[in-house]
Amino acid sequence: MDFEKFADDYIKAETEVLQKLDRKKIAKALEKLTECWENERDIYIFGNGGSSATASHFENDFNKGVSEPLEKKFRFHCLNDNMATVMAVANDLGFEEVFRFQLINRVKKDDLIMAISGSGNSKNVINAVEYAKEKGAYIIGITGYNGGKLKELSDLDLHVDVNSMQITEDIHMMFDHLMMSALYKSLAGKDHMS
């Protein structure tokens, strides 16, 4: 196998997808995050598999990275991080309830949900989003492929239009670092890029 050619093809494919991203939607997500920070609203983030790692990374980058120099802190809660809770809910109620259960009588009107699903069709993600919408939360869906049901349910979709889970997850992680860098500069007056 020609690994150099494979690397070249992968990078070209990812670059093409990056060029197609909707910058206005990224800016709107940043405005929503800023609004949540200003009003001390809770932000719930979650996903499965690679998306769970991205969700956890988001929480870290905002609760520590962006928040460190700020007096007022971001209030991110990653629903896939407490494995004891996830496994207890999965065992007792079913895996499709692991995120929704954690939102019951917690999520409030105008809180933010950041739901990550490459396919956009993960049942446990959809259940949580449907519940949160009923409670008046704002939904940012972070998806790939055709966006699935999550894209339809979202108030704002950050969609990666590609049929590749790897490129989808690469760009979802880029959303985190782009947003972290933008808000670090906007709120703390510091530049992560230097």
Protein backbone atom coordinates (compact mmCIF):
# COMPACT_ATOMS: atom_id res chain seq x y z
CA MET A 1 0.00 0.00 0.00
CA ASP A 2 1.18 3.52 -0.83
CA PHE A 3 0.76 5.16 2.59
CA GLU A 4 1.95 8.56 1.37
CA LYS A 5 -0.77 8.61 -1.30
CA PHE A 6 -3.34 7.46 1.29
CA ALA A 7 -2.32 10.33 3.59
CA ASP A 8 -2.51 12.77 0.69
CA ASP A 9 -5.99 11.58 -0.30
CA TYR A 10 -7.26 11.74 3.30
CA ILE A 11 -5.94 15.27 3.81
CA LYS A 12 -7.41 16.41 0.48
CA ALA A 13 -10.82 14.94 1.38
CA GLU A 14 -10.79 16.62 4.79
CA THR A 15 -9.70 19.95 3.32
CA GLU A 16 -12.62 19.86 0.85
CA VAL A 17 -15.08 19.24 3.70
CA LEU A 18 -13.56 22.02 5.82
CA GLN A 19 -14.02 24.49 2.97
CA LYS A 20 -17.76 23.68 2.83
CA LEU A 21 -18.45 24.33 6.54
CA ASP A 22 -21.06 26.98 7.28
CA ARG A 23 -19.15 29.75 9.06
CA LYS A 24 -22.36 31.62 9.92
CA LYS A 25 -23.57 28.62 11.91
CA ILE A 26 -20.23 28.36 13.71
CA ALA A 27 -20.52 32.06 14.60
CA LYS A 28 -24.09 31.53 15.84
CA ALA A 29 -22.90 28.65 18.07
CA LEU A 30 -20.24 30.96 19.51
CA GLU A 31 -22.87 33.62 20.18
CA LYS A 32 -25.04 31.04 21.96
CA LEU A 33 -22.12 29.85 24.10
CA THR A 34 -21.34 33.47 25.01
CA GLU A 35 -24.98 34.05 25.95
CA CYS A 36 -24.94 30.95 28.18
CA TRP A 37 -21.76 32.15 29.87
CA GLU A 38 -23.17 35.66 30.41
CA ASN A 39 -26.40 34.30 31.92
CA GLU A 40 -24.76 31.44 33.88
CA ARG A 41 -26.78 28.80 32.06
CA ASP A 42 -25.94 25.12 32.12
CA ILE A 43 -24.53 23.47 29.02
CA TYR A 44 -25.02 19.71 28.68
CA ILE A 45 -22.85 17.84 26.18
CA PHE A 46 -22.78 14.15 25.30
CA GLY A 47 -22.18 11.49 22.67
CA ASN A 48 -21.17 7.86 22.14
CA GLY A 49 -17.81 6.36 21.21
CA GLY A 50 -15.50 8.91 19.60
CA SER A 51 -18.21 11.52 20.13
CA SER A 52 -18.07 10.87 23.88
CA ALA A 53 -14.35 11.65 23.82
CA THR A 54 -15.07 14.87 21.93
CA ALA A 55 -17.79 15.79 24.46
CA SER A 56 -15.38 15.21 27.33
CA HIS A 57 -12.73 17.30 25.59
CA PHE A 58 -15.22 20.16 25.09
CA GLU A 59 -16.05 20.14 28.80
CA ASN A 60 -12.36 20.28 29.73
CA ASP A 61 -11.54 23.03 27.25
CA PHE A 62 -14.37 25.25 28.49
CA ASN A 63 -14.55 24.48 32.22
CA LYS A 64 -10.79 24.73 32.64
CA GLY A 65 -9.22 26.17 29.48
CA VAL A 66 -11.50 29.11 28.73
CA SER A 67 -12.76 29.54 32.30
CA GLU A 68 -9.37 29.64 34.04
CA PRO A 69 -8.71 33.38 33.60
CA LEU A 70 -12.39 34.34 33.97
CA GLU A 71 -14.14 35.25 37.21
CA LYS A 72 -17.41 33.85 35.86
CA LYS A 73 -16.99 30.23 34.69
CA PHE A 74 -18.58 28.13 31.98
CA ARG A 75 -21.03 25.51 33.29
CA PHE A 76 -20.42 22.51 31.03
CA HIS A 77 -21.66 19.07 32.13
CA CYS A 78 -20.51 16.05 30.12
CA LEU A 79 -23.15 13.35 30.54
CA ASN A 80 -20.96 10.49 29.34
CA ASP A 81 -18.10 11.07 31.80
CA ASN A 82 -19.47 9.39 34.94
CA MET A 83 -19.19 5.72 34.00
CA ALA A 84 -20.87 4.52 37.19
CA THR A 85 -23.98 6.55 36.36
CA VAL A 86 -23.91 5.58 32.66
CA MET A 87 -23.57 1.88 33.48
CA ALA A 88 -26.21 1.93 36.23
CA VAL A 89 -28.75 3.60 33.94
CA ALA A 90 -27.83 1.30 31.04
CA ASN A 91 -28.19 -1.79 33.25
CA ASP A 92 -31.38 -0.79 35.03
CA LEU A 93 -33.27 1.26 32.43
CA GLY A 94 -31.56 0.58 29.10
CA PHE A 95 -28.72 2.18 27.17
CA GLU A 96 -31.16 4.39 25.27
CA GLU A 97 -31.85 6.23 28.57
CA VAL A 98 -28.27 7.01 29.70
CA PHE A 99 -28.42 10.70 28.70
CA ARG A 100 -32.13 11.49 29.07
CA PHE A 101 -32.19 10.15 32.64
CA GLN A 102 -29.44 12.58 33.66
CA LEU A 103 -31.45 15.53 32.31
CA ILE A 104 -34.71 14.72 34.09
CA ASN A 105 -35.65 17.57 36.45
CA ARG A 106 -32.24 19.18 35.84
CA VAL A 107 -32.31 20.75 32.39
CA LYS A 108 -34.09 24.11 32.39
CA LYS A 109 -35.56 26.46 29.84
CA ASP A 110 -32.81 28.23 27.88
CA ASP A 111 -30.09 25.80 28.97
CA LEU A 112 -27.95 24.59 26.09
CA ILE A 113 -27.70 21.03 24.82
CA MET A 114 -24.72 20.14 22.63
CA ALA A 115 -25.51 16.69 21.25
CA ILE A 116 -22.84 14.93 19.20
CA SER A 117 -23.66 12.05 16.87
CA GLY A 118 -21.82 11.22 13.67
CA SER A 119 -24.86 9.49 12.19
CA GLY A 120 -27.34 11.80 13.87
CA ASN A 121 -29.46 8.78 14.75
CA SER A 122 -28.10 7.46 18.06
CA LYS A 123 -31.22 6.54 20.04
CA ASN A 124 -29.85 7.62 23.41
CA VAL A 125 -28.85 11.01 21.99
CA ILE A 126 -32.22 11.51 20.29
CA ASN A 127 -34.15 10.59 23.48
CA ALA A 128 -32.21 13.18 25.48
CA VAL A 129 -32.65 15.87 22.83
CA GLU A 130 -36.39 15.27 22.56
CA TYR A 131 -36.73 15.55 26.35
CA ALA A 132 -34.61 18.71 26.52
CA LYS A 133 -36.62 20.36 23.73
CA GLU A 134 -39.81 19.70 25.69
CA LYS A 135 -38.21 21.58 28.61
CA GLY A 136 -37.29 24.57 26.45
CA ALA A 137 -33.57 23.97 26.08
CA TYR A 138 -31.73 25.18 22.98
CA ILE A 139 -30.26 22.35 20.89
CA ILE A 140 -26.99 22.44 18.97
CA GLY A 141 -26.65 19.20 17.01
CA ILE A 142 -23.14 18.25 15.90
CA THR A 143 -23.43 15.66 13.12
CA GLY A 144 -21.95 14.03 10.03
CA TYR A 145 -23.25 11.95 7.11
CA ASN A 146 -26.73 13.35 6.24
CA GLY A 147 -27.29 14.62 9.79
CA GLY A 148 -30.03 12.13 10.60
CA LYS A 149 -32.80 12.89 13.07
CA LEU A 150 -30.53 15.03 15.26
CA LYS A 151 -30.07 17.58 12.48
CA GLU A 152 -33.87 17.80 12.10
CA LEU A 153 -34.41 18.29 15.85
CA SER A 154 -31.67 20.90 16.30
CA ASP A 155 -32.21 24.63 16.66
CA LEU A 156 -28.74 24.97 15.17
CA ASP A 157 -26.89 22.23 13.34
CA LEU A 158 -23.13 22.07 13.01
CA HIS A 159 -23.17 19.55 10.18
CA VAL A 160 -20.12 17.92 8.59
CA ASP A 161 -21.28 16.86 5.15
CA VAL A 162 -19.21 13.74 4.55
CA ASN A 163 -19.79 9.97 4.62
CA SER A 164 -16.74 9.25 6.77
CA MET A 165 -16.86 8.83 10.53
CA GLN A 166 -13.14 9.60 10.82
CA ILE A 167 -13.31 12.93 8.97
CA THR A 168 -16.57 13.76 10.77
CA GLU A 169 -14.93 13.21 14.17
CA ASP A 170 -11.79 15.13 13.13
CA ILE A 171 -13.90 18.16 12.31
CA HIS A 172 -16.06 17.84 15.43
CA MET A 173 -12.84 18.11 17.44
CA MET A 174 -11.84 21.11 15.34
CA PHE A 175 -15.15 22.78 16.29
CA ASP A 176 -14.10 22.43 19.94
CA HIS A 177 -10.69 23.98 19.47
CA LEU A 178 -11.98 26.73 17.17
CA MET A 179 -14.67 27.68 19.69
CA MET A 180 -12.33 27.45 22.64
CA SER A 181 -9.78 29.70 20.89
CA ALA A 182 -12.42 32.22 19.81
CA LEU A 183 -13.97 32.55 23.26
CA TYR A 184 -10.61 32.61 25.03
CA LYS A 185 -9.76 35.61 22.88
CA SER A 186 -13.22 37.20 23.12
CA LEU A 187 -13.78 36.77 26.87
CA ALA A 188 -10.26 36.71 28.30
CA GLY A 189 -8.52 38.88 25.72
CA LYS A 190 -5.88 36.20 25.20
CA ASP A 191 -4.81 34.53 21.99
CA HIS A 192 -4.44 30.73 21.94
CA MET A 193 -2.97 30.91 18.43
CA SER A 194 0.24 32.67 19.43
